Amino acid sequence: MCTLLLVDDSLTQRRYLELLLTALGHEVHALGSAKLIPEKLKLAAVDLAIVALVLGHSNGFELGLRLQNLGIERVAIVTMNPRSTDIQWAQAIGLIGVLDAPTSQAKIRQQLQKLLQG
């Protein structure tokens, strides 16, 4: 499967997504802070970064752009209530999509397949 970087400062949301993604066979590097990303990128290549839209000291769009500048080509936003403006912003800045969370394992599998094929 894929190596995923998950960044969400909500411990509950991060852990839930990490469990779902790991159960699907992905290697997940889950971080609660964007400050740890440079060190994590030294240890593993990342196929897809999944970033929370709302972060304590930043937002997912800004972090998504920073991750692209660090060489991660595929970056998606995850949010609890995706709005059409979230999807438009993600597309406008070159992110590959918006994931809906919390979600079921079947739904996250379907969403990931779409993003990784695309």
PDB file of N, CA and C in Angstrom:
ATOM      1  N   MET A   1       0.830  -1.189   0.000  1.00  0.00           N
ATOM      2  CA  MET A   1       0.000   0.000   0.000  1.00  0.00           C
ATOM      3  C   MET A   1       0.874   1.251   0.000  1.00  0.00           C
ATOM      4  N   CYS A   2       0.370   2.320   0.596  1.00  0.00           N
ATOM      5  CA  CYS A   2       1.034   3.628   0.539  1.00  0.00           C
ATOM      6  C   CYS A   2       1.561   4.070   1.903  1.00  0.00           C
ATOM      7  N   THR A   3       2.514   4.985   1.838  1.00  0.00           N
ATOM      8  CA  THR A   3       2.999   5.642   3.044  1.00  0.00           C
ATOM      9  C   THR A   3       2.296   6.992   3.137  1.00  0.00           C
ATOM     10  N   LEU A   4       1.594   7.194   4.233  1.00  0.00           N
ATOM     11  CA  LEU A   4       0.780   8.387   4.415  1.00  0.00           C
ATOM     12  C   LEU A   4       1.320   9.225   5.567  1.00  0.00           C
ATOM     13  N   LEU A   5       1.295  10.529   5.396  1.00  0.00           N
ATOM     14  CA  LEU A   5       1.590  11.477   6.465  1.00  0.00           C
ATOM     15  C   LEU A   5       0.267  12.102   6.874  1.00  0.00           C
ATOM     16  N   LEU A   6      -0.084  11.965   8.134  1.00  0.00           N
ATOM     17  CA  LEU A   6      -1.326  12.509   8.666  1.00  0.00           C
ATOM     18  C   LEU A   6      -0.987  13.582   9.681  1.00  0.00           C
ATOM     19  N   VAL A   7      -1.484  14.802   9.460  1.00  0.00           N
ATOM     20  CA  VAL A   7      -1.216  15.910  10.384  1.00  0.00           C
ATOM     21  C   VAL A   7      -2.547  16.465  10.875  1.00  0.00           C
ATOM     22  N   ASP A   8      -2.777  16.306  12.181  1.00  0.00           N
ATOM     23  CA  ASP A   8      -4.004  16.815  12.794  1.00  0.00           C
ATOM     24  C   ASP A   8      -3.705  17.058  14.261  1.00  0.00           C
ATOM     25  N   ASP A   9      -3.970  18.259  14.762  1.00  0.00           N
ATOM     26  CA  ASP A   9      -3.672  18.544  16.158  1.00  0.00           C
ATOM     27  C   ASP A   9      -4.758  18.052  17.115  1.00  0.00           C
ATOM     28  N   SER A  10      -5.826  17.486  16.585  1.00  0.00           N
ATOM     29  CA  SER A  10      -6.844  16.865  17.420  1.00  0.00           C
ATOM     30  C   SER A  10      -6.454  15.396  17.640  1.00  0.00           C
ATOM     31  N   LEU A  11      -6.099  15.063  18.862  1.00  0.00           N
ATOM     32  CA  LEU A  11      -5.668  13.700  19.171  1.00  0.00           C
ATOM     33  C   LEU A  11      -6.742  12.678  18.811  1.00  0.00           C
ATOM     34  N   THR A  12      -7.982  12.970  19.117  1.00  0.00           N
ATOM     35  CA  THR A  12      -9.070  12.043  18.845  1.00  0.00           C
ATOM     36  C   THR A  12      -9.225  11.798  17.347  1.00  0.00           C
ATOM     37  N   GLN A  13      -9.299  12.864  16.583  1.00  0.00           N
ATOM     38  CA  GLN A  13      -9.469  12.745  15.135  1.00  0.00           C
ATOM     39  C   GLN A  13      -8.256  12.071  14.502  1.00  0.00           C
ATOM     40  N   ARG A  14      -7.059  12.454  14.929  1.00  0.00           N
ATOM     41  CA  ARG A  14      -5.827  11.886  14.384  1.00  0.00           C
ATOM     42  C   ARG A  14      -5.762  10.386  14.652  1.00  0.00           C
ATOM     43  N   ARG A  15      -6.050   9.996  15.872  1.00  0.00           N
ATOM     44  CA  ARG A  15      -5.978   8.574  16.236  1.00  0.00           C
ATOM     45  C   ARG A  15      -7.030   7.767  15.480  1.00  0.00           C
ATOM     46  N   TYR A  16      -8.237   8.298  15.348  1.00  0.00           N
ATOM     47  CA  TYR A  16      -9.299   7.603  14.628  1.00  0.00           C
ATOM     48  C   TYR A  16      -8.903   7.380  13.166  1.00  0.00           C
ATOM     49  N   LEU A  17      -8.431   8.414  12.504  1.00  0.00           N
ATOM     50  CA  LEU A  17      -8.011   8.274  11.114  1.00  0.00           C
ATOM     51  C   LEU A  17      -6.809   7.346  10.980  1.00  0.00           C
ATOM     52  N   GLU A  18      -5.886   7.443  11.923  1.00  0.00           N
ATOM     53  CA  GLU A  18      -4.718   6.561  11.890  1.00  0.00           C
ATOM     54  C   GLU A  18      -5.148   5.097  11.967  1.00  0.00           C
ATOM     55  N   LEU A  19      -6.089   4.784  12.842  1.00  0.00           N
ATOM     56  CA  LEU A  19      -6.580   3.411  12.956  1.00  0.00           C
ATOM     57  C   LEU A  19      -7.261   2.947  11.672  1.00  0.00           C
ATOM     58  N   LEU A  20      -8.103   3.805  11.093  1.00  0.00           N
ATOM     59  CA  LEU A  20      -8.780   3.449   9.842  1.00  0.00           C
ATOM     60  C   LEU A  20      -7.781   3.202   8.718  1.00  0.00           C
ATOM     61  N   LEU A  21      -6.830   4.098   8.567  1.00  0.00           N
ATOM     62  CA  LEU A  21      -5.862   4.006   7.471  1.00  0.00           C
ATOM     63  C   LEU A  21      -4.914   2.819   7.650  1.00  0.00           C
ATOM     64  N   THR A  22      -4.508   2.561   8.877  1.00  0.00           N
ATOM     65  CA  THR A  22      -3.647   1.411   9.152  1.00  0.00           C
ATOM     66  C   THR A  22      -4.391   0.114   8.874  1.00  0.00           C
ATOM     67  N   ALA A  23      -5.660   0.052   9.245  1.00  0.00           N
ATOM     68  CA  ALA A  23      -6.471  -1.147   8.990  1.00  0.00           C
ATOM     69  C   ALA A  23      -6.610  -1.427   7.493  1.00  0.00           C
ATOM     70  N   LEU A  24      -6.472  -0.385   6.677  1.00  0.00           N
ATOM     71  CA  LEU A  24      -6.533  -0.556   5.226  1.00  0.00           C
ATOM     72  C   LEU A  24      -5.184  -0.990   4.644  1.00  0.00           C
ATOM     73  N   GLY A  25      -4.177  -1.129   5.512  1.00  0.00           N
ATOM     74  CA  GLY A  25      -2.884  -1.605   5.067  1.00  0.00           C
ATOM     75  C   GLY A  25      -1.859  -0.528   4.772  1.00  0.00           C
ATOM     76  N   HIS A  26      -2.183   0.707   5.047  1.00  0.00           N
ATOM     77  CA  HIS A  26      -1.252   1.810   4.792  1.00  0.00           C
ATOM     78  C   HIS A  26      -0.290   1.986   5.961  1.00  0.00           C
ATOM     79  N   GLU A  27       0.901   2.455   5.652  1.00  0.00           N
ATOM     80  CA  GLU A  27       1.849   2.862   6.685  1.00  0.00           C
ATOM     81  C   GLU A  27       1.546   4.327   6.988  1.00  0.00           C
ATOM     82  N   VAL A  28       1.203   4.611   8.231  1.00  0.00           N
ATOM     83  CA  VAL A  28       0.756   5.951   8.597  1.00  0.00           C
ATOM     84  C   VAL A  28       1.728   6.582   9.590  1.00  0.00           C
ATOM     85  N   HIS A  29       2.201   7.776   9.249  1.00  0.00           N
ATOM     86  CA  HIS A  29       3.011   8.588  10.149  1.00  0.00           C
ATOM     87  C   HIS A  29       2.107   9.722  10.613  1.00  0.00           C
ATOM     88  N   ALA A  30       1.575   9.596  11.823  1.00  0.00           N
ATOM     89  CA  ALA A  30       0.618  10.564  12.344  1.00  0.00           C
ATOM     90  C   ALA A  30       1.324  11.568  13.243  1.00  0.00           C
ATOM     91  N   LEU A  31       1.123  12.844  12.959  1.00  0.00           N
ATOM     92  CA  LEU A  31       1.752  13.919  13.719  1.00  0.00           C
ATOM     93  C   LEU A  31       0.703  14.879  14.254  1.00  0.00           C
ATOM     94  N   GLY A  32       0.934  15.351  15.464  1.00  0.00           N
ATOM     95  CA  GLY A  32       0.042  16.333  16.058  1.00  0.00           C
ATOM     96  C   GLY A  32       0.498  17.761  15.841  1.00  0.00           C
ATOM     97  N   SER A  33       1.665  17.911  15.224  1.00  0.00           N
ATOM     98  CA  SER A  33       2.216  19.244  15.012  1.00  0.00           C
ATOM     99  C   SER A  33       2.972  19.293  13.691  1.00  0.00           C
ATOM    100  N   ALA A  34       2.804  20.382  12.987  1.00  0.00           N
ATOM    101  CA  ALA A  34       3.524  20.570  11.725  1.00  0.00           C
ATOM    102  C   ALA A  34       5.021  20.749  11.961  1.00  0.00           C
ATOM    103  N   LYS A  35       5.403  21.104  13.176  1.00  0.00           N
ATOM    104  CA  LYS A  35       6.818  21.321  13.486  1.00  0.00           C
ATOM    105  C   LYS A  35       7.646  20.051  13.312  1.00  0.00           C
ATOM    106  N   LEU A  36       7.012  18.897  13.421  1.00  0.00           N
ATOM    107  CA  LEU A  36       7.729  17.622  13.345  1.00  0.00           C
ATOM    108  C   LEU A  36       7.879  17.097  11.922  1.00  0.00           C
ATOM    109  N   ILE A  37       7.271  17.753  10.960  1.00  0.00           N
ATOM    110  CA  ILE A  37       7.265  17.257   9.582  1.00  0.00           C
ATOM    111  C   ILE A  37       8.663  17.130   8.977  1.00  0.00           C
ATOM    112  N   PRO A  38       9.528  18.126   9.084  1.00  0.00           N
ATOM    113  CA  PRO A  38      10.851  17.973   8.456  1.00  0.00           C
ATOM    114  C   PRO A  38      11.603  16.732   8.936  1.00  0.00           C
ATOM    115  N   GLU A  39      11.537  16.440  10.220  1.00  0.00           N
ATOM    116  CA  GLU A  39      12.208  15.249  10.745  1.00  0.00           C
ATOM    117  C   GLU A  39      11.576  13.976  10.193  1.00  0.00           C
ATOM    118  N   LYS A  40      10.265  13.933  10.124  1.00  0.00           N
ATOM    119  CA  LYS A  40       9.562  12.752   9.626  1.00  0.00           C
ATOM    120  C   LYS A  40       9.886  12.520   8.158  1.00  0.00           C
ATOM    121  N   LEU A  41      10.015  13.585   7.380  1.00  0.00           N
ATOM    122  CA  LEU A  41      10.311  13.440   5.952  1.00  0.00           C
ATOM    123  C   LEU A  41      11.716  12.913   5.714  1.00  0.00           C
ATOM    124  N   LYS A  42      12.608  13.114   6.680  1.00  0.00           N
ATOM    125  CA  LYS A  42      13.956  12.554   6.561  1.00  0.00           C
ATOM    126  C   LYS A  42      13.932  11.035   6.709  1.00  0.00           C
ATOM    127  N   LEU A  43      12.927  10.510   7.405  1.00  0.00           N
ATOM    128  CA  LEU A  43      12.852   9.091   7.714  1.00  0.00           C
ATOM    129  C   LEU A  43      12.082   8.271   6.685  1.00  0.00           C
ATOM    130  N   ALA A  44      11.141   8.885   5.992  1.00  0.00           N
ATOM    131  CA  ALA A  44      10.300   8.107   5.079  1.00  0.00           C
ATOM    132  C   ALA A  44       9.792   8.967   3.927  1.00  0.00           C
ATOM    133  N   ALA A  45       9.757   8.363   2.747  1.00  0.00           N
ATOM    134  CA  ALA A  45       9.116   9.019   1.599  1.00  0.00           C
ATOM    135  C   ALA A  45       7.607   8.926   1.807  1.00  0.00           C
ATOM    136  N   VAL A  46       6.904   9.949   1.388  1.00  0.00           N
ATOM    137  CA  VAL A  46       5.458  10.020   1.604  1.00  0.00           C
ATOM    138  C   VAL A  46       4.741  10.001   0.261  1.00  0.00           C
ATOM    139  N   ASP A  47       3.768   9.086   0.146  1.00  0.00           N
ATOM    140  CA  ASP A  47       2.961   9.009  -1.074  1.00  0.00           C
ATOM    141  C   ASP A  47       1.810  10.013  -1.060  1.00  0.00           C
ATOM    142  N   LEU A  48       1.273  10.260   0.119  1.00  0.00           N
ATOM    143  CA  LEU A  48       0.139  11.175   0.258  1.00  0.00           C
ATOM    144  C   LEU A  48       0.175  11.790   1.647  1.00  0.00           C
ATOM    145  N   ALA A  49      -0.003  13.097   1.716  1.00  0.00           N
ATOM    146  CA  ALA A  49      -0.150  13.796   2.996  1.00  0.00           C
ATOM    147  C   ALA A  49      -1.617  14.156   3.173  1.00  0.00           C
ATOM    148  N   ILE A  50      -2.123  13.882   4.357  1.00  0.00           N
ATOM    149  CA  ILE A  50      -3.503  14.223   4.711  1.00  0.00           C
ATOM    150  C   ILE A  50      -3.421  15.202   5.869  1.00  0.00           C
ATOM    151  N   VAL A  51      -3.966  16.393   5.668  1.00  0.00           N
ATOM    152  CA  VAL A  51      -3.800  17.492   6.618  1.00  0.00           C
ATOM    153  C   VAL A  51      -5.174  17.998   7.061  1.00  0.00           C
ATOM    154  N   ALA A  52      -5.329  18.186   8.361  1.00  0.00           N
ATOM    155  CA  ALA A  52      -6.574  18.757   8.879  1.00  0.00           C
ATOM    156  C   ALA A  52      -6.748  20.175   8.351  1.00  0.00           C
ATOM    157  N   LEU A  53      -7.969  20.523   8.009  1.00  0.00           N
ATOM    158  CA  LEU A  53      -8.250  21.878   7.532  1.00  0.00           C
ATOM    159  C   LEU A  53      -7.998  22.895   8.630  1.00  0.00           C
ATOM    160  N   VAL A  54      -8.438  22.581   9.843  1.00  0.00           N
ATOM    161  CA  VAL A  54      -8.299  23.505  10.965  1.00  0.00           C
ATOM    162  C   VAL A  54      -7.182  23.003  11.870  1.00  0.00           C
ATOM    163  N   LEU A  55      -6.160  23.839  12.030  1.00  0.00           N
ATOM    164  CA  LEU A  55      -5.032  23.544  12.905  1.00  0.00           C
ATOM    165  C   LEU A  55      -4.847  24.712  13.863  1.00  0.00           C
ATOM    166  N   GLY A  56      -4.297  24.439  15.024  1.00  0.00           N
ATOM    167  CA  GLY A  56      -4.164  25.469  16.047  1.00  0.00           C
ATOM    168  C   GLY A  56      -3.354  26.681  15.625  1.00  0.00           C
ATOM    169  N   HIS A  57      -2.236  26.480  14.952  1.00  0.00           N
ATOM    170  CA  HIS A  57      -1.353  27.595  14.617  1.00  0.00           C
ATOM    171  C   HIS A  57      -1.246  27.842  13.119  1.00  0.00           C
ATOM    172  N   SER A  58      -2.090  27.226  12.359  1.00  0.00           N
ATOM    173  CA  SER A  58      -2.029  27.345  10.903  1.00  0.00           C
ATOM    174  C   SER A  58      -3.368  26.884  10.357  1.00  0.00           C
ATOM    175  N   ASN A  59      -3.431  26.712   9.055  1.00  0.00           N
ATOM    176  CA  ASN A  59      -4.592  26.051   8.491  1.00  0.00           C
ATOM    177  C   ASN A  59      -4.107  25.042   7.454  1.00  0.00           C
ATOM    178  N   GLY A  60      -4.961  24.116   7.111  1.00  0.00           N
ATOM    179  CA  GLY A  60      -4.578  23.042   6.212  1.00  0.00           C
ATOM    180  C   GLY A  60      -4.138  23.500   4.844  1.00  0.00           C
ATOM    181  N   PHE A  61      -4.711  24.571   4.350  1.00  0.00           N
ATOM    182  CA  PHE A  61      -4.316  25.063   3.034  1.00  0.00           C
ATOM    183  C   PHE A  61      -2.871  25.565   3.050  1.00  0.00           C
ATOM    184  N   GLU A  62      -2.529  26.351   4.070  1.00  0.00           N
ATOM    185  CA  GLU A  62      -1.153  26.847   4.187  1.00  0.00           C
ATOM    186  C   GLU A  62      -0.175  25.697   4.355  1.00  0.00           C
ATOM    187  N   LEU A  63      -0.510  24.753   5.226  1.00  0.00           N
ATOM    188  CA  LEU A  63       0.366  23.612   5.449  1.00  0.00           C
ATOM    189  C   LEU A  63       0.472  22.759   4.193  1.00  0.00           C
ATOM    190  N   GLY A  64      -0.617  22.618   3.468  1.00  0.00           N
ATOM    191  CA  GLY A  64      -0.586  21.868   2.216  1.00  0.00           C
ATOM    192  C   GLY A  64       0.397  22.458   1.223  1.00  0.00           C
ATOM    193  N   LEU A  65       0.398  23.771   1.105  1.00  0.00           N
ATOM    194  CA  LEU A  65       1.358  24.437   0.214  1.00  0.00           C
ATOM    195  C   LEU A  65       2.789  24.231   0.693  1.00  0.00           C
ATOM    196  N   ARG A  66       3.000  24.303   2.010  1.00  0.00           N
ATOM    197  CA  ARG A  66       4.345  24.066   2.550  1.00  0.00           C
ATOM    198  C   ARG A  66       4.813  22.646   2.260  1.00  0.00           C
ATOM    199  N   LEU A  67       3.914  21.681   2.386  1.00  0.00           N
ATOM    200  CA  LEU A  67       4.279  20.292   2.103  1.00  0.00           C
ATOM    201  C   LEU A  67       4.623  20.098   0.631  1.00  0.00           C
ATOM    202  N   GLN A  68       3.889  20.764  -0.236  1.00  0.00           N
ATOM    203  CA  GLN A  68       4.219  20.685  -1.663  1.00  0.00           C
ATOM    204  C   GLN A  68       5.604  21.270  -1.913  1.00  0.00           C
ATOM    205  N   ASN A  69       5.922  22.362  -1.246  1.00  0.00           N
ATOM    206  CA  ASN A  69       7.249  22.966  -1.379  1.00  0.00           C
ATOM    207  C   ASN A  69       8.351  22.063  -0.843  1.00  0.00           C
ATOM    208  N   LEU A  70       8.000  21.161   0.082  1.00  0.00           N
ATOM    209  CA  LEU A  70       8.953  20.196   0.616  1.00  0.00           C
ATOM    210  C   LEU A  70       9.063  18.948  -0.259  1.00  0.00           C
ATOM    211  N   GLY A  71       8.291  18.920  -1.350  1.00  0.00           N
ATOM    212  CA  GLY A  71       8.409  17.819  -2.298  1.00  0.00           C
ATOM    213  C   GLY A  71       7.318  16.770  -2.257  1.00  0.00           C
ATOM    214  N   ILE A  72       6.291  16.954  -1.444  1.00  0.00           N
ATOM    215  CA  ILE A  72       5.178  16.004  -1.426  1.00  0.00           C
ATOM    216  C   ILE A  72       4.182  16.429  -2.495  1.00  0.00           C
ATOM    217  N   GLU A  73       4.021  15.596  -3.506  1.00  0.00           N
ATOM    218  CA  GLU A  73       3.176  15.963  -4.644  1.00  0.00           C
ATOM    219  C   GLU A  73       1.691  15.845  -4.348  1.00  0.00           C
ATOM    220  N   ARG A  74       1.333  14.858  -3.559  1.00  0.00           N
ATOM    221  CA  ARG A  74      -0.082  14.613  -3.278  1.00  0.00           C
ATOM    222  C   ARG A  74      -0.414  15.033  -1.857  1.00  0.00           C
ATOM    223  N   VAL A  75      -1.251  16.058  -1.748  1.00  0.00           N
ATOM    224  CA  VAL A  75      -1.685  16.568  -0.449  1.00  0.00           C
ATOM    225  C   VAL A  75      -3.196  16.727  -0.499  1.00  0.00           C
ATOM    226  N   ALA A  76      -3.870  16.214   0.537  1.00  0.00           N
ATOM    227  CA  ALA A  76      -5.321  16.347   0.647  1.00  0.00           C
ATOM    228  C   ALA A  76      -5.658  16.957   2.003  1.00  0.00           C
ATOM    229  N   ILE A  77      -6.779  17.619   2.046  1.00  0.00           N
ATOM    230  CA  ILE A  77      -7.307  18.212   3.273  1.00  0.00           C
ATOM    231  C   ILE A  77      -8.343  17.255   3.851  1.00  0.00           C
ATOM    232  N   VAL A  78      -8.416  17.184   5.170  1.00  0.00           N
ATOM    233  CA  VAL A  78      -9.476  16.413   5.823  1.00  0.00           C
ATOM    234  C   VAL A  78     -10.244  17.363   6.738  1.00  0.00           C
ATOM    235  N   THR A  79     -11.559  17.278   6.672  1.00  0.00           N
ATOM    236  CA  THR A  79     -12.408  18.148   7.474  1.00  0.00           C
ATOM    237  C   THR A  79     -13.707  17.429   7.820  1.00  0.00           C
ATOM    238  N   MET A  80     -14.338  17.869   8.877  1.00  0.00           N
ATOM    239  CA  MET A  80     -15.564  17.215   9.327  1.00  0.00           C
ATOM    240  C   MET A  80     -16.764  17.572   8.457  1.00  0.00           C
ATOM    241  N   ASN A  81     -16.798  18.756   7.940  1.00  0.00           N
ATOM    242  CA  ASN A  81     -17.932  19.201   7.129  1.00  0.00           C
ATOM    243  C   ASN A  81     -17.423  19.888   5.869  1.00  0.00           C
ATOM    244  N   PRO A  82     -16.994  19.114   4.869  1.00  0.00           N
ATOM    245  CA  PRO A  82     -16.456  19.766   3.672  1.00  0.00           C
ATOM    246  C   PRO A  82     -17.516  20.620   2.978  1.00  0.00           C
ATOM    247  N   ARG A  83     -17.128  21.824   2.665  1.00  0.00           N
ATOM    248  CA  ARG A  83     -18.012  22.728   1.931  1.00  0.00           C
ATOM    249  C   ARG A  83     -17.469  22.884   0.517  1.00  0.00           C
ATOM    250  N   SER A  84     -18.294  23.359  -0.357  1.00  0.00           N
ATOM    251  CA  SER A  84     -17.856  23.533  -1.743  1.00  0.00           C
ATOM    252  C   SER A  84     -16.679  24.508  -1.825  1.00  0.00           C
ATOM    253  N   THR A  85     -16.648  25.502  -0.928  1.00  0.00           N
ATOM    254  CA  THR A  85     -15.519  26.439  -0.946  1.00  0.00           C
ATOM    255  C   THR A  85     -14.216  25.749  -0.541  1.00  0.00           C
ATOM    256  N   ASP A  86     -14.283  24.769   0.362  1.00  0.00           N
ATOM    257  CA  ASP A  86     -13.082  24.006   0.733  1.00  0.00           C
ATOM    258  C   ASP A  86     -12.527  23.270  -0.484  1.00  0.00           C
ATOM    259  N   ILE A  87     -13.413  22.664  -1.232  1.00  0.00           N
ATOM    260  CA  ILE A  87     -13.005  21.921  -2.432  1.00  0.00           C
ATOM    261  C   ILE A  87     -12.440  22.875  -3.476  1.00  0.00           C
ATOM    262  N   GLN A  88     -13.074  24.020  -3.652  1.00  0.00           N
ATOM    263  CA  GLN A  88     -12.590  25.007  -4.621  1.00  0.00           C
ATOM    264  C   GLN A  88     -11.210  25.535  -4.231  1.00  0.00           C
ATOM    265  N   TRP A  89     -11.015  25.846  -2.956  1.00  0.00           N
ATOM    266  CA  TRP A  89      -9.712  26.335  -2.491  1.00  0.00           C
ATOM    267  C   TRP A  89      -8.646  25.268  -2.703  1.00  0.00           C
ATOM    268  N   ALA A  90      -8.967  24.034  -2.341  1.00  0.00           N
ATOM    269  CA  ALA A  90      -7.999  22.946  -2.498  1.00  0.00           C
ATOM    270  C   ALA A  90      -7.580  22.816  -3.962  1.00  0.00           C
ATOM    271  N   GLN A  91      -8.539  22.827  -4.858  1.00  0.00           N
ATOM    272  CA  GLN A  91      -8.234  22.730  -6.285  1.00  0.00           C
ATOM    273  C   GLN A  91      -7.434  23.936  -6.765  1.00  0.00           C
ATOM    274  N   ALA A  92      -7.793  25.109  -6.299  1.00  0.00           N
ATOM    275  CA  ALA A  92      -7.141  26.339  -6.758  1.00  0.00           C
ATOM    276  C   ALA A  92      -5.653  26.376  -6.402  1.00  0.00           C
ATOM    277  N   ILE A  93      -5.291  25.780  -5.271  1.00  0.00           N
ATOM    278  CA  ILE A  93      -3.885  25.827  -4.863  1.00  0.00           C
ATOM    279  C   ILE A  93      -3.132  24.539  -5.195  1.00  0.00           C
ATOM    280  N   GLY A  94      -3.781  23.626  -5.899  1.00  0.00           N
ATOM    281  CA  GLY A  94      -3.087  22.433  -6.370  1.00  0.00           C
ATOM    282  C   GLY A  94      -3.127  21.228  -5.453  1.00  0.00           C
ATOM    283  N   LEU A  95      -3.980  21.240  -4.430  1.00  0.00           N
ATOM    284  CA  LEU A  95      -4.141  20.058  -3.593  1.00  0.00           C
ATOM    285  C   LEU A  95      -5.029  19.060  -4.331  1.00  0.00           C
ATOM    286  N   ILE A  96      -4.918  17.786  -3.987  1.00  0.00           N
ATOM    287  CA  ILE A  96      -5.626  16.783  -4.794  1.00  0.00           C
ATOM    288  C   ILE A  96      -7.046  16.501  -4.341  1.00  0.00           C
ATOM    289  N   GLY A  97      -7.450  17.020  -3.195  1.00  0.00           N
ATOM    290  CA  GLY A  97      -8.832  16.800  -2.803  1.00  0.00           C
ATOM    291  C   GLY A  97      -9.098  17.080  -1.345  1.00  0.00           C
ATOM    292  N   VAL A  98     -10.349  16.784  -0.958  1.00  0.00           N
ATOM    293  CA  VAL A  98     -10.822  16.991   0.406  1.00  0.00           C
ATOM    294  C   VAL A  98     -11.481  15.702   0.875  1.00  0.00           C
ATOM    295  N   LEU A  99     -11.019  15.181   2.006  1.00  0.00           N
ATOM    296  CA  LEU A  99     -11.606  13.990   2.607  1.00  0.00           C
ATOM    297  C   LEU A  99     -12.617  14.392   3.662  1.00  0.00           C
ATOM    298  N   ASP A 100     -13.644  13.579   3.794  1.00  0.00           N
ATOM    299  CA  ASP A 100     -14.703  13.795   4.763  1.00  0.00           C
ATOM    300  C   ASP A 100     -14.422  12.931   5.995  1.00  0.00           C
ATOM    301  N   ALA A 101     -14.372  13.527   7.165  1.00  0.00           N
ATOM    302  CA  ALA A 101     -14.137  12.757   8.386  1.00  0.00           C
ATOM    303  C   ALA A 101     -14.949  13.360   9.521  1.00  0.00           C
ATOM    304  N   PRO A 102     -15.386  12.609  10.477  1.00  0.00           N
ATOM    305  CA  PRO A 102     -15.168  11.181  10.622  1.00  0.00           C
ATOM    306  C   PRO A 102     -15.946  10.400   9.575  1.00  0.00           C
ATOM    307  N   THR A 103     -15.491   9.220   9.311  1.00  0.00           N
ATOM    308  CA  THR A 103     -16.069   8.442   8.243  1.00  0.00           C
ATOM    309  C   THR A 103     -15.935   6.967   8.560  1.00  0.00           C
ATOM    310  N   SER A 104     -16.490   6.150   7.702  1.00  0.00           N
ATOM    311  CA  SER A 104     -16.359   4.705   7.870  1.00  0.00           C
ATOM    312  C   SER A 104     -15.126   4.216   7.117  1.00  0.00           C
ATOM    313  N   GLN A 105     -14.724   3.006   7.420  1.00  0.00           N
ATOM    314  CA  GLN A 105     -13.568   2.431   6.735  1.00  0.00           C
ATOM    315  C   GLN A 105     -13.842   2.285   5.234  1.00  0.00           C
ATOM    316  N   ALA A 106     -15.045   1.880   4.892  1.00  0.00           N
ATOM    317  CA  ALA A 106     -15.392   1.719   3.472  1.00  0.00           C
ATOM    318  C   ALA A 106     -15.337   3.058   2.741  1.00  0.00           C
ATOM    319  N   LYS A 107     -15.846   4.107   3.387  1.00  0.00           N
ATOM    320  CA  LYS A 107     -15.862   5.411   2.737  1.00  0.00           C
ATOM    321  C   LYS A 107     -14.454   5.982   2.591  1.00  0.00           C
ATOM    322  N   ILE A 108     -13.616   5.836   3.620  1.00  0.00           N
ATOM    323  CA  ILE A 108     -12.259   6.376   3.509  1.00  0.00           C
ATOM    324  C   ILE A 108     -11.475   5.587   2.457  1.00  0.00           C
ATOM    325  N   ARG A 109     -11.729   4.286   2.353  1.00  0.00           N
ATOM    326  CA  ARG A 109     -11.072   3.480   1.317  1.00  0.00           C
ATOM    327  C   ARG A 109     -11.442   4.013  -0.066  1.00  0.00           C
ATOM    328  N   GLN A 110     -12.720   4.264  -0.268  1.00  0.00           N
ATOM    329  CA  GLN A 110     -13.201   4.784  -1.558  1.00  0.00           C
ATOM    330  C   GLN A 110     -12.598   6.159  -1.847  1.00  0.00           C
ATOM    331  N   GLN A 111     -12.570   7.038  -0.855  1.00  0.00           N
ATOM    332  CA  GLN A 111     -12.017   8.372  -1.041  1.00  0.00           C
ATOM    333  C   GLN A 111     -10.522   8.324  -1.362  1.00  0.00           C
ATOM    334  N   LEU A 112      -9.799   7.472  -0.645  1.00  0.00           N
ATOM    335  CA  LEU A 112      -8.354   7.346  -0.884  1.00  0.00           C
ATOM    336  C   LEU A 112      -8.067   6.783  -2.275  1.00  0.00           C
ATOM    337  N   GLN A 113      -8.813   5.771  -2.689  1.00  0.00           N
ATOM    338  CA  GLN A 113      -8.603   5.197  -4.019  1.00  0.00           C
ATOM    339  C   GLN A 113      -8.780   6.269  -5.089  1.00  0.00           C
ATOM    340  N   LYS A 114      -9.785   7.081  -4.931  1.00  0.00           N
ATOM    341  CA  LYS A 114     -10.039   8.159  -5.893  1.00  0.00           C
ATOM    342  C   LYS A 114      -8.884   9.153  -5.923  1.00  0.00           C
ATOM    343  N   LEU A 115      -8.383   9.534  -4.744  1.00  0.00           N
ATOM    344  CA  LEU A 115      -7.294  10.509  -4.673  1.00  0.00           C
ATOM    345  C   LEU A 115      -5.978   9.941  -5.203  1.00  0.00           C
ATOM    346  N   LEU A 116      -5.710   8.699  -4.890  1.00  0.00           N
ATOM    347  CA  LEU A 116      -4.430   8.105  -5.302  1.00  0.00           C
ATOM    348  C   LEU A 116      -4.390   7.746  -6.779  1.00  0.00           C
ATOM    349  N   GLN A 117      -5.546   7.531  -7.387  1.00  0.00           N
ATOM    350  CA  GLN A 117      -5.592   7.228  -8.821  1.00  0.00           C
ATOM    351  C   GLN A 117      -5.498   8.492  -9.653  1.00  0.00           C
ATOM    352  N   GLY A 118      -5.958   9.566  -9.083  1.00  0.00           N
ATOM    353  CA  GLY A 118      -6.182  10.758  -9.788  1.00  0.00           C
ATOM    354  C   GLY A 118      -5.214  11.691 -10.211  1.00  0.00           C
TER     355      GLY A 118
END
